[in-house]
mmCIF file of all heavy atoms, coordinates in Angstrom:
data_MODEL
# 
_entry.id   MODEL 
# 
loop_
_atom_site.group_PDB 
_atom_site.id 
_atom_site.type_symbol 
_atom_site.label_atom_id 
_atom_site.label_alt_id 
_atom_site.label_comp_id 
_atom_site.label_asym_id 
_atom_site.label_entity_id 
_atom_site.label_seq_id 
_atom_site.pdbx_PDB_ins_code 
_atom_site.Cartn_x 
_atom_site.Cartn_y 
_atom_site.Cartn_z 
_atom_site.occupancy 
_atom_site.B_iso_or_equiv 
_atom_site.pdbx_formal_charge 
_atom_site.auth_seq_id 
_atom_site.auth_comp_id 
_atom_site.auth_asym_id 
_atom_site.auth_atom_id 
_atom_site.pdbx_PDB_model_num 
ATOM 1   N N   . PRO A 1 1  ? -0.482  13.437  -28.967 1.00 0.00 ? 1  PRO A N   1 
ATOM 2   C CA  . PRO A 1 1  ? 0.229   13.427  -27.640 1.00 0.00 ? 1  PRO A CA  1 
ATOM 3   C C   . PRO A 1 1  ? -0.834  13.477  -26.539 1.00 0.00 ? 1  PRO A C   1 
ATOM 4   O O   . PRO A 1 1  ? -0.614  12.807  -25.386 1.00 0.00 ? 1  PRO A O   1 
ATOM 5   C CB  . PRO A 1 1  ? 0.971   14.775  -27.645 1.00 0.00 ? 1  PRO A CB  1 
ATOM 6   C CG  . PRO A 1 1  ? 1.230   15.045  -29.041 1.00 0.00 ? 1  PRO A CG  1 
ATOM 7   C CD  . PRO A 1 1  ? 0.065   14.441  -29.805 1.00 0.00 ? 1  PRO A CD  1 
ATOM 8   N N   . ARG A 1 2  ? -1.950  14.018  -26.667 1.00 0.00 ? 2  ARG A N   1 
ATOM 9   C CA  . ARG A 1 2  ? -2.951  14.057  -25.631 1.00 0.00 ? 2  ARG A CA  1 
ATOM 10  C C   . ARG A 1 2  ? -3.552  12.654  -25.459 1.00 0.00 ? 2  ARG A C   1 
ATOM 11  O O   . ARG A 1 2  ? -3.784  12.221  -24.278 1.00 0.00 ? 2  ARG A O   1 
ATOM 12  C CB  . ARG A 1 2  ? -4.096  15.080  -26.018 1.00 0.00 ? 2  ARG A CB  1 
ATOM 13  C CG  . ARG A 1 2  ? -5.105  15.161  -24.878 1.00 0.00 ? 2  ARG A CG  1 
ATOM 14  C CD  . ARG A 1 2  ? -6.084  16.299  -25.243 1.00 0.00 ? 2  ARG A CD  1 
ATOM 15  N NE  . ARG A 1 2  ? -6.951  16.513  -24.147 1.00 0.00 ? 2  ARG A NE  1 
ATOM 16  C CZ  . ARG A 1 2  ? -7.662  17.600  -23.916 1.00 0.00 ? 2  ARG A CZ  1 
ATOM 17  N NH1 . ARG A 1 2  ? -7.578  18.631  -24.699 1.00 0.00 ? 2  ARG A NH1 1 
ATOM 18  N NH2 . ARG A 1 2  ? -8.473  17.699  -22.895 1.00 0.00 ? 2  ARG A NH2 1 
ATOM 19  N N   . ALA A 1 3  ? -3.731  11.906  -26.471 1.00 0.00 ? 3  ALA A N   1 
ATOM 20  C CA  . ALA A 1 3  ? -4.184  10.471  -26.389 1.00 0.00 ? 3  ALA A CA  1 
ATOM 21  C C   . ALA A 1 3  ? -3.108  9.625   -25.649 1.00 0.00 ? 3  ALA A C   1 
ATOM 22  O O   . ALA A 1 3  ? -3.524  8.768   -24.835 1.00 0.00 ? 3  ALA A O   1 
ATOM 23  C CB  . ALA A 1 3  ? -4.529  9.929   -27.716 1.00 0.00 ? 3  ALA A CB  1 
ATOM 24  N N   . CYS A 1 4  ? -1.810  9.872   -25.989 1.00 0.00 ? 4  CYS A N   1 
ATOM 25  C CA  . CYS A 1 4  ? -0.821  9.173   -25.235 1.00 0.00 ? 4  CYS A CA  1 
ATOM 26  C C   . CYS A 1 4  ? -0.831  9.378   -23.755 1.00 0.00 ? 4  CYS A C   1 
ATOM 27  O O   . CYS A 1 4  ? -0.641  8.495   -22.968 1.00 0.00 ? 4  CYS A O   1 
ATOM 28  C CB  . CYS A 1 4  ? 0.535   9.518   -25.853 1.00 0.00 ? 4  CYS A CB  1 
ATOM 29  S SG  . CYS A 1 4  ? 0.790   8.998   -27.534 1.00 0.00 ? 4  CYS A SG  1 
ATOM 30  N N   . THR A 1 5  ? -1.009  10.632  -23.378 1.00 0.00 ? 5  THR A N   1 
ATOM 31  C CA  . THR A 1 5  ? -1.060  11.063  -21.981 1.00 0.00 ? 5  THR A CA  1 
ATOM 32  C C   . THR A 1 5  ? -2.285  10.417  -21.304 1.00 0.00 ? 5  THR A C   1 
ATOM 33  O O   . THR A 1 5  ? -2.237  9.906   -20.168 1.00 0.00 ? 5  THR A O   1 
ATOM 34  C CB  . THR A 1 5  ? -1.180  12.568  -21.835 1.00 0.00 ? 5  THR A CB  1 
ATOM 35  O OG1 . THR A 1 5  ? 0.028   13.128  -22.556 1.00 0.00 ? 5  THR A OG1 1 
ATOM 36  C CG2 . THR A 1 5  ? -1.108  12.917  -20.350 1.00 0.00 ? 5  THR A CG2 1 
ATOM 37  N N   . SER A 1 6  ? -3.366  10.322  -22.016 1.00 0.00 ? 6  SER A N   1 
ATOM 38  C CA  . SER A 1 6  ? -4.659  9.741   -21.468 1.00 0.00 ? 6  SER A CA  1 
ATOM 39  C C   . SER A 1 6  ? -4.391  8.211   -21.333 1.00 0.00 ? 6  SER A C   1 
ATOM 40  O O   . SER A 1 6  ? -4.831  7.731   -20.279 1.00 0.00 ? 6  SER A O   1 
ATOM 41  C CB  . SER A 1 6  ? -5.757  9.987   -22.454 1.00 0.00 ? 6  SER A CB  1 
ATOM 42  O OG  . SER A 1 6  ? -6.064  11.335  -22.511 1.00 0.00 ? 6  SER A OG  1 
ATOM 43  N N   . LEU A 1 7  ? -3.797  7.579   -22.303 1.00 0.00 ? 7  LEU A N   1 
ATOM 44  C CA  . LEU A 1 7  ? -3.501  6.113   -22.097 1.00 0.00 ? 7  LEU A CA  1 
ATOM 45  C C   . LEU A 1 7  ? -2.615  5.828   -20.975 1.00 0.00 ? 7  LEU A C   1 
ATOM 46  O O   . LEU A 1 7  ? -2.789  4.858   -20.220 1.00 0.00 ? 7  LEU A O   1 
ATOM 47  C CB  . LEU A 1 7  ? -2.969  5.557   -23.477 1.00 0.00 ? 7  LEU A CB  1 
ATOM 48  C CG  . LEU A 1 7  ? -3.911  5.228   -24.563 1.00 0.00 ? 7  LEU A CG  1 
ATOM 49  C CD1 . LEU A 1 7  ? -3.161  4.920   -25.784 1.00 0.00 ? 7  LEU A CD1 1 
ATOM 50  C CD2 . LEU A 1 7  ? -4.775  4.067   -24.142 1.00 0.00 ? 7  LEU A CD2 1 
ATOM 51  N N   . ARG A 1 8  ? -1.572  6.644   -20.851 1.00 0.00 ? 8  ARG A N   1 
ATOM 52  C CA  . ARG A 1 8  ? -0.632  6.449   -19.781 1.00 0.00 ? 8  ARG A CA  1 
ATOM 53  C C   . ARG A 1 8  ? -1.340  6.615   -18.443 1.00 0.00 ? 8  ARG A C   1 
ATOM 54  O O   . ARG A 1 8  ? -1.196  5.881   -17.525 1.00 0.00 ? 8  ARG A O   1 
ATOM 55  C CB  . ARG A 1 8  ? 0.627   7.439   -19.921 1.00 0.00 ? 8  ARG A CB  1 
ATOM 56  C CG  . ARG A 1 8  ? 1.732   7.172   -18.954 1.00 0.00 ? 8  ARG A CG  1 
ATOM 57  C CD  . ARG A 1 8  ? 2.977   7.917   -19.417 1.00 0.00 ? 8  ARG A CD  1 
ATOM 58  N NE  . ARG A 1 8  ? 3.480   7.536   -20.742 1.00 0.00 ? 8  ARG A NE  1 
ATOM 59  C CZ  . ARG A 1 8  ? 3.395   8.327   -21.803 1.00 0.00 ? 8  ARG A CZ  1 
ATOM 60  N NH1 . ARG A 1 8  ? 3.067   9.598   -21.722 1.00 0.00 ? 8  ARG A NH1 1 
ATOM 61  N NH2 . ARG A 1 8  ? 3.929   7.997   -22.925 1.00 0.00 ? 8  ARG A NH2 1 
ATOM 62  N N   . LEU A 1 9  ? -2.052  7.656   -18.253 1.00 0.00 ? 9  LEU A N   1 
ATOM 63  C CA  . LEU A 1 9  ? -2.680  8.007   -17.064 1.00 0.00 ? 9  LEU A CA  1 
ATOM 64  C C   . LEU A 1 9  ? -3.793  6.990   -16.756 1.00 0.00 ? 9  LEU A C   1 
ATOM 65  O O   . LEU A 1 9  ? -3.936  6.484   -15.546 1.00 0.00 ? 9  LEU A O   1 
ATOM 66  C CB  . LEU A 1 9  ? -3.454  9.437   -17.135 1.00 0.00 ? 9  LEU A CB  1 
ATOM 67  C CG  . LEU A 1 9  ? -4.163  9.840   -15.919 1.00 0.00 ? 9  LEU A CG  1 
ATOM 68  C CD1 . LEU A 1 9  ? -3.222  9.884   -14.681 1.00 0.00 ? 9  LEU A CD1 1 
ATOM 69  C CD2 . LEU A 1 9  ? -4.928  11.082  -16.159 1.00 0.00 ? 9  LEU A CD2 1 
ATOM 70  N N   . SER A 1 10 ? -4.522  6.437   -17.771 1.00 0.00 ? 10 SER A N   1 
ATOM 71  C CA  . SER A 1 10 ? -5.555  5.510   -17.447 1.00 0.00 ? 10 SER A CA  1 
ATOM 72  C C   . SER A 1 10 ? -5.015  4.094   -17.179 1.00 0.00 ? 10 SER A C   1 
ATOM 73  O O   . SER A 1 10 ? -5.429  3.375   -16.340 1.00 0.00 ? 10 SER A O   1 
ATOM 74  C CB  . SER A 1 10 ? -6.529  5.254   -18.688 1.00 0.00 ? 10 SER A CB  1 
ATOM 75  O OG  . SER A 1 10 ? -5.804  4.863   -19.814 1.00 0.00 ? 10 SER A OG  1 
ATOM 76  N N   . GLY A 1 11 ? -3.771  3.787   -17.788 1.00 0.00 ? 11 GLY A N   1 
ATOM 77  C CA  . GLY A 1 11 ? -3.037  2.597   -17.342 1.00 0.00 ? 11 GLY A CA  1 
ATOM 78  C C   . GLY A 1 11 ? -2.554  2.618   -15.918 1.00 0.00 ? 11 GLY A C   1 
ATOM 79  O O   . GLY A 1 11 ? -2.822  1.559   -15.171 1.00 0.00 ? 11 GLY A O   1 
ATOM 80  N N   . PHE A 1 12 ? -2.089  3.705   -15.445 1.00 0.00 ? 12 PHE A N   1 
ATOM 81  C CA  . PHE A 1 12 ? -1.653  3.766   -14.047 1.00 0.00 ? 12 PHE A CA  1 
ATOM 82  C C   . PHE A 1 12 ? -2.829  3.826   -13.160 1.00 0.00 ? 12 PHE A C   1 
ATOM 83  O O   . PHE A 1 12 ? -2.804  3.202   -12.017 1.00 0.00 ? 12 PHE A O   1 
ATOM 84  C CB  . PHE A 1 12 ? -0.769  5.053   -13.836 1.00 0.00 ? 12 PHE A CB  1 
ATOM 85  C CG  . PHE A 1 12 ? 0.674   4.902   -14.284 1.00 0.00 ? 12 PHE A CG  1 
ATOM 86  C CD1 . PHE A 1 12 ? 1.194   5.702   -15.251 1.00 0.00 ? 12 PHE A CD1 1 
ATOM 87  C CD2 . PHE A 1 12 ? 1.483   3.820   -13.797 1.00 0.00 ? 12 PHE A CD2 1 
ATOM 88  C CE1 . PHE A 1 12 ? 2.548   5.639   -15.720 1.00 0.00 ? 12 PHE A CE1 1 
ATOM 89  C CE2 . PHE A 1 12 ? 2.790   3.716   -14.212 1.00 0.00 ? 12 PHE A CE2 1 
ATOM 90  C CZ  . PHE A 1 12 ? 3.332   4.605   -15.199 1.00 0.00 ? 12 PHE A CZ  1 
ATOM 91  N N   . LEU A 1 13 ? -3.864  4.498   -13.548 1.00 0.00 ? 13 LEU A N   1 
ATOM 92  C CA  . LEU A 1 13 ? -5.079  4.436   -12.695 1.00 0.00 ? 13 LEU A CA  1 
ATOM 93  C C   . LEU A 1 13 ? -5.706  3.042   -12.543 1.00 0.00 ? 13 LEU A C   1 
ATOM 94  O O   . LEU A 1 13 ? -6.184  2.625   -11.528 1.00 0.00 ? 13 LEU A O   1 
ATOM 95  C CB  . LEU A 1 13 ? -6.136  5.427   -13.157 1.00 0.00 ? 13 LEU A CB  1 
ATOM 96  C CG  . LEU A 1 13 ? -5.795  6.850   -12.996 1.00 0.00 ? 13 LEU A CG  1 
ATOM 97  C CD1 . LEU A 1 13 ? -6.855  7.786   -13.718 1.00 0.00 ? 13 LEU A CD1 1 
ATOM 98  C CD2 . LEU A 1 13 ? -5.764  7.148   -11.507 1.00 0.00 ? 13 LEU A CD2 1 
ATOM 99  N N   . LEU A 1 14 ? -5.705  2.292   -13.631 1.00 0.00 ? 14 LEU A N   1 
ATOM 100 C CA  . LEU A 1 14 ? -6.180  0.903   -13.551 1.00 0.00 ? 14 LEU A CA  1 
ATOM 101 C C   . LEU A 1 14 ? -5.276  0.048   -12.732 1.00 0.00 ? 14 LEU A C   1 
ATOM 102 O O   . LEU A 1 14 ? -5.861  -0.833  -11.958 1.00 0.00 ? 14 LEU A O   1 
ATOM 103 C CB  . LEU A 1 14 ? -6.289  0.252   -15.007 1.00 0.00 ? 14 LEU A CB  1 
ATOM 104 C CG  . LEU A 1 14 ? -7.425  0.711   -15.858 1.00 0.00 ? 14 LEU A CG  1 
ATOM 105 C CD1 . LEU A 1 14 ? -7.195  0.364   -17.366 1.00 0.00 ? 14 LEU A CD1 1 
ATOM 106 C CD2 . LEU A 1 14 ? -8.761  0.071   -15.369 1.00 0.00 ? 14 LEU A CD2 1 
ATOM 107 N N   . LEU A 1 15 ? -3.988  0.203   -12.796 1.00 0.00 ? 15 LEU A N   1 
ATOM 108 C CA  . LEU A 1 15 ? -3.165  -0.570  -11.880 1.00 0.00 ? 15 LEU A CA  1 
ATOM 109 C C   . LEU A 1 15 ? -3.330  -0.191  -10.448 1.00 0.00 ? 15 LEU A C   1 
ATOM 110 O O   . LEU A 1 15 ? -3.324  -1.096  -9.584  1.00 0.00 ? 15 LEU A O   1 
ATOM 111 C CB  . LEU A 1 15 ? -1.712  -0.349  -12.297 1.00 0.00 ? 15 LEU A CB  1 
ATOM 112 C CG  . LEU A 1 15 ? -1.304  -0.922  -13.667 1.00 0.00 ? 15 LEU A CG  1 
ATOM 113 C CD1 . LEU A 1 15 ? 0.083   -0.607  -13.918 1.00 0.00 ? 15 LEU A CD1 1 
ATOM 114 C CD2 . LEU A 1 15 ? -1.573  -2.440  -13.775 1.00 0.00 ? 15 LEU A CD2 1 
ATOM 115 N N   . THR A 1 16 ? -3.492  1.074   -10.255 1.00 0.00 ? 16 THR A N   1 
ATOM 116 C CA  . THR A 1 16 ? -3.791  1.558   -8.830  1.00 0.00 ? 16 THR A CA  1 
ATOM 117 C C   . THR A 1 16 ? -5.137  1.110   -8.346  1.00 0.00 ? 16 THR A C   1 
ATOM 118 O O   . THR A 1 16 ? -5.298  0.667   -7.172  1.00 0.00 ? 16 THR A O   1 
ATOM 119 C CB  . THR A 1 16 ? -3.732  3.154   -8.776  1.00 0.00 ? 16 THR A CB  1 
ATOM 120 O OG1 . THR A 1 16 ? -2.458  3.420   -9.323  1.00 0.00 ? 16 THR A OG1 1 
ATOM 121 C CG2 . THR A 1 16 ? -3.907  3.633   -7.378  1.00 0.00 ? 16 THR A CG2 1 
ATOM 122 N N   . SER A 1 17 ? -6.181  1.188   -9.204  1.00 0.00 ? 17 SER A N   1 
ATOM 123 C CA  . SER A 1 17 ? -7.491  0.638   -8.820  1.00 0.00 ? 17 SER A CA  1 
ATOM 124 C C   . SER A 1 17 ? -7.489  -0.852  -8.418  1.00 0.00 ? 17 SER A C   1 
ATOM 125 O O   . SER A 1 17 ? -8.168  -1.331  -7.606  1.00 0.00 ? 17 SER A O   1 
ATOM 126 C CB  . SER A 1 17 ? -8.544  1.022   -9.803  1.00 0.00 ? 17 SER A CB  1 
ATOM 127 O OG  . SER A 1 17 ? -8.301  0.230   -10.932 1.00 0.00 ? 17 SER A OG  1 
ATOM 128 N N   . ALA A 1 18 ? -6.666  -1.639  -9.243  1.00 0.00 ? 18 ALA A N   1 
ATOM 129 C CA  . ALA A 1 18 ? -6.559  -3.027  -8.926  1.00 0.00 ? 18 ALA A CA  1 
ATOM 130 C C   . ALA A 1 18 ? -5.911  -3.238  -7.544  1.00 0.00 ? 18 ALA A C   1 
ATOM 131 O O   . ALA A 1 18 ? -6.408  -4.172  -6.784  1.00 0.00 ? 18 ALA A O   1 
ATOM 132 C CB  . ALA A 1 18 ? -5.746  -3.750  -10.041 1.00 0.00 ? 18 ALA A CB  1 
ATOM 133 N N   . PHE A 1 19 ? -4.926  -2.467  -7.229  1.00 0.00 ? 19 PHE A N   1 
ATOM 134 C CA  . PHE A 1 19 ? -4.380  -2.526  -5.944  1.00 0.00 ? 19 PHE A CA  1 
ATOM 135 C C   . PHE A 1 19 ? -5.331  -2.166  -4.781  1.00 0.00 ? 19 PHE A C   1 
ATOM 136 O O   . PHE A 1 19 ? -5.446  -2.891  -3.769  1.00 0.00 ? 19 PHE A O   1 
ATOM 137 C CB  . PHE A 1 19 ? -3.118  -1.608  -5.808  1.00 0.00 ? 19 PHE A CB  1 
ATOM 138 C CG  . PHE A 1 19 ? -2.510  -1.630  -4.422  1.00 0.00 ? 19 PHE A CG  1 
ATOM 139 C CD1 . PHE A 1 19 ? -1.734  -2.760  -4.060  1.00 0.00 ? 19 PHE A CD1 1 
ATOM 140 C CD2 . PHE A 1 19 ? -2.532  -0.534  -3.588  1.00 0.00 ? 19 PHE A CD2 1 
ATOM 141 C CE1 . PHE A 1 19 ? -1.205  -2.794  -2.805  1.00 0.00 ? 19 PHE A CE1 1 
ATOM 142 C CE2 . PHE A 1 19 ? -1.983  -0.553  -2.326  1.00 0.00 ? 19 PHE A CE2 1 
ATOM 143 C CZ  . PHE A 1 19 ? -1.288  -1.712  -1.971  1.00 0.00 ? 19 PHE A CZ  1 
ATOM 144 N N   . VAL A 1 20 ? -6.103  -1.156  -5.037  1.00 0.00 ? 20 VAL A N   1 
ATOM 145 C CA  . VAL A 1 20 ? -7.081  -0.725  -4.061  1.00 0.00 ? 20 VAL A CA  1 
ATOM 146 C C   . VAL A 1 20 ? -8.151  -1.806  -3.860  1.00 0.00 ? 20 VAL A C   1 
ATOM 147 O O   . VAL A 1 20 ? -8.584  -2.135  -2.726  1.00 0.00 ? 20 VAL A O   1 
ATOM 148 C CB  . VAL A 1 20 ? -7.731  0.659   -4.383  1.00 0.00 ? 20 VAL A CB  1 
ATOM 149 C CG1 . VAL A 1 20 ? -8.938  0.943   -3.495  1.00 0.00 ? 20 VAL A CG1 1 
ATOM 150 C CG2 . VAL A 1 20 ? -6.684  1.762   -4.292  1.00 0.00 ? 20 VAL A CG2 1 
ATOM 151 N N   . VAL A 1 21 ? -8.656  -2.330  -4.912  1.00 0.00 ? 21 VAL A N   1 
ATOM 152 C CA  . VAL A 1 21 ? -9.658  -3.439  -4.869  1.00 0.00 ? 21 VAL A CA  1 
ATOM 153 C C   . VAL A 1 21 ? -9.128  -4.699  -4.080  1.00 0.00 ? 21 VAL A C   1 
ATOM 154 O O   . VAL A 1 21 ? -9.709  -5.227  -3.275  1.00 0.00 ? 21 VAL A O   1 
ATOM 155 C CB  . VAL A 1 21 ? -10.068 -3.892  -6.266  1.00 0.00 ? 21 VAL A CB  1 
ATOM 156 C CG1 . VAL A 1 21 ? -10.853 -5.092  -6.274  1.00 0.00 ? 21 VAL A CG1 1 
ATOM 157 C CG2 . VAL A 1 21 ? -10.966 -2.746  -6.897  1.00 0.00 ? 21 VAL A CG2 1 
ATOM 158 N N   . ALA A 1 22 ? -7.873  -4.995  -4.374  1.00 0.00 ? 22 ALA A N   1 
ATOM 159 C CA  . ALA A 1 22 ? -7.304  -6.138  -3.657  1.00 0.00 ? 22 ALA A CA  1 
ATOM 160 C C   . ALA A 1 22 ? -7.058  -5.848  -2.212  1.00 0.00 ? 22 ALA A C   1 
ATOM 161 O O   . ALA A 1 22 ? -7.345  -6.710  -1.416  1.00 0.00 ? 22 ALA A O   1 
ATOM 162 C CB  . ALA A 1 22 ? -5.897  -6.488  -4.339  1.00 0.00 ? 22 ALA A CB  1 
ATOM 163 N N   . GLY A 1 23 ? -6.632  -4.608  -1.915  1.00 0.00 ? 23 GLY A N   1 
ATOM 164 C CA  . GLY A 1 23 ? -6.419  -4.297  -0.463  1.00 0.00 ? 23 GLY A CA  1 
ATOM 165 C C   . GLY A 1 23 ? -7.678  -4.185  0.414   1.00 0.00 ? 23 GLY A C   1 
ATOM 166 O O   . GLY A 1 23 ? -7.732  -4.708  1.399   1.00 0.00 ? 23 GLY A O   1 
ATOM 167 N N   . ARG A 1 24 ? -8.686  -3.603  -0.260  1.00 0.00 ? 24 ARG A N   1 
ATOM 168 C CA  . ARG A 1 24 ? -9.988  -3.481  0.448   1.00 0.00 ? 24 ARG A CA  1 
ATOM 169 C C   . ARG A 1 24 ? -10.796 -4.736  0.630   1.00 0.00 ? 24 ARG A C   1 
ATOM 170 O O   . ARG A 1 24 ? -11.443 -4.960  1.579   1.00 0.00 ? 24 ARG A O   1 
ATOM 171 C CB  . ARG A 1 24 ? -10.835 -2.329  -0.163  1.00 0.00 ? 24 ARG A CB  1 
ATOM 172 C CG  . ARG A 1 24 ? -10.191 -1.077  -0.064  1.00 0.00 ? 24 ARG A CG  1 
ATOM 173 C CD  . ARG A 1 24 ? -11.148 0.034   -0.529  1.00 0.00 ? 24 ARG A CD  1 
ATOM 174 N NE  . ARG A 1 24 ? -11.477 0.716   0.719   1.00 0.00 ? 24 ARG A NE  1 
ATOM 175 C CZ  . ARG A 1 24 ? -12.404 1.628   0.942   1.00 0.00 ? 24 ARG A CZ  1 
ATOM 176 N NH1 . ARG A 1 24 ? -13.126 1.910   -0.157  1.00 0.00 ? 24 ARG A NH1 1 
ATOM 177 N NH2 . ARG A 1 24 ? -12.583 2.237   1.956   1.00 0.00 ? 24 ARG A NH2 1 
ATOM 178 N N   . SER A 1 25 ? -10.673 -5.637  -0.378  1.00 0.00 ? 25 SER A N   1 
ATOM 179 C CA  . SER A 1 25 ? -11.519 -6.831  -0.371  1.00 0.00 ? 25 SER A CA  1 
ATOM 180 C C   . SER A 1 25 ? -10.733 -7.963  0.359   1.00 0.00 ? 25 SER A C   1 
ATOM 181 O O   . SER A 1 25 ? -11.372 -8.879  0.992   1.00 0.00 ? 25 SER A O   1 
ATOM 182 C CB  . SER A 1 25 ? -11.945 -7.255  -1.759  1.00 0.00 ? 25 SER A CB  1 
ATOM 183 O OG  . SER A 1 25 ? -10.779 -7.540  -2.553  1.00 0.00 ? 25 SER A OG  1 
ATOM 184 N N   . LEU A 1 26 ? -9.442  -8.014  0.210   1.00 0.00 ? 26 LEU A N   1 
ATOM 185 C CA  . LEU A 1 26 ? -8.633  -9.197  0.811   1.00 0.00 ? 26 LEU A CA  1 
ATOM 186 C C   . LEU A 1 26 ? -7.776  -8.864  2.008   1.00 0.00 ? 26 LEU A C   1 
ATOM 187 O O   . LEU A 1 26 ? -7.185  -9.674  2.575   1.00 0.00 ? 26 LEU A O   1 
ATOM 188 C CB  . LEU A 1 26 ? -7.774  -9.796  -0.340  1.00 0.00 ? 26 LEU A CB  1 
ATOM 189 C CG  . LEU A 1 26 ? -8.597  -10.290 -1.545  1.00 0.00 ? 26 LEU A CG  1 
ATOM 190 C CD1 . LEU A 1 26 ? -7.506  -10.653 -2.678  1.00 0.00 ? 26 LEU A CD1 1 
ATOM 191 C CD2 . LEU A 1 26 ? -9.406  -11.408 -1.207  1.00 0.00 ? 26 LEU A CD2 1 
ATOM 192 N N   . GLY A 1 27 ? -7.811  -7.614  2.407   1.00 0.00 ? 27 GLY A N   1 
ATOM 193 C CA  . GLY A 1 27 ? -6.958  -7.031  3.408   1.00 0.00 ? 27 GLY A CA  1 
ATOM 194 C C   . GLY A 1 27 ? -5.642  -6.594  2.756   1.00 0.00 ? 27 GLY A C   1 
ATOM 195 O O   . GLY A 1 27 ? -5.210  -7.103  1.747   1.00 0.00 ? 27 GLY A O   1 
ATOM 196 N N   . TRP A 1 28 ? -5.098  -5.589  3.391   1.00 0.00 ? 28 TRP A N   1 
ATOM 197 C CA  . TRP A 1 28 ? -3.898  -4.869  2.709   1.00 0.00 ? 28 TRP A CA  1 
ATOM 198 C C   . TRP A 1 28 ? -2.657  -5.719  2.601   1.00 0.00 ? 28 TRP A C   1 
ATOM 199 O O   . TRP A 1 28 ? -1.948  -5.813  1.647   1.00 0.00 ? 28 TRP A O   1 
ATOM 200 C CB  . TRP A 1 28 ? -3.617  -3.628  3.386   1.00 0.00 ? 28 TRP A CB  1 
ATOM 201 C CG  . TRP A 1 28 ? -4.679  -2.630  3.243   1.00 0.00 ? 28 TRP A CG  1 
ATOM 202 C CD1 . TRP A 1 28 ? -5.649  -2.296  4.154   1.00 0.00 ? 28 TRP A CD1 1 
ATOM 203 C CD2 . TRP A 1 28 ? -5.048  -1.906  1.973   1.00 0.00 ? 28 TRP A CD2 1 
ATOM 204 N NE1 . TRP A 1 28 ? -6.536  -1.385  3.493   1.00 0.00 ? 28 TRP A NE1 1 
ATOM 205 C CE2 . TRP A 1 28 ? -6.190  -1.108  2.243   1.00 0.00 ? 28 TRP A CE2 1 
ATOM 206 C CE3 . TRP A 1 28 ? -4.459  -1.866  0.733   1.00 0.00 ? 28 TRP A CE3 1 
ATOM 207 C CZ2 . TRP A 1 28 ? -6.749  -0.398  1.304   1.00 0.00 ? 28 TRP A CZ2 1 
ATOM 208 C CZ3 . TRP A 1 28 ? -5.030  -1.064  -0.229  1.00 0.00 ? 28 TRP A CZ3 1 
ATOM 209 C CH2 . TRP A 1 28 ? -6.133  -0.333  0.015   1.00 0.00 ? 28 TRP A CH2 1 
ATOM 210 N N   . GLY A 1 29 ? -2.357  -6.661  3.604   1.00 0.00 ? 29 GLY A N   1 
ATOM 211 C CA  . GLY A 1 29 ? -1.218  -7.423  3.512   1.00 0.00 ? 29 GLY A CA  1 
ATOM 212 C C   . GLY A 1 29 ? -1.364  -8.661  2.508   1.00 0.00 ? 29 GLY A C   1 
ATOM 213 O O   . GLY A 1 29 ? -0.607  -8.693  1.580   1.00 0.00 ? 29 GLY A O   1 
# 
């Protein structure tokens, strides 16, 4: 269960980091 939680958290963090990279490099819109 701890590995499942880690995978879920890292998946959401990767999606969030992709959004931040896109927003900061290309403009938020």
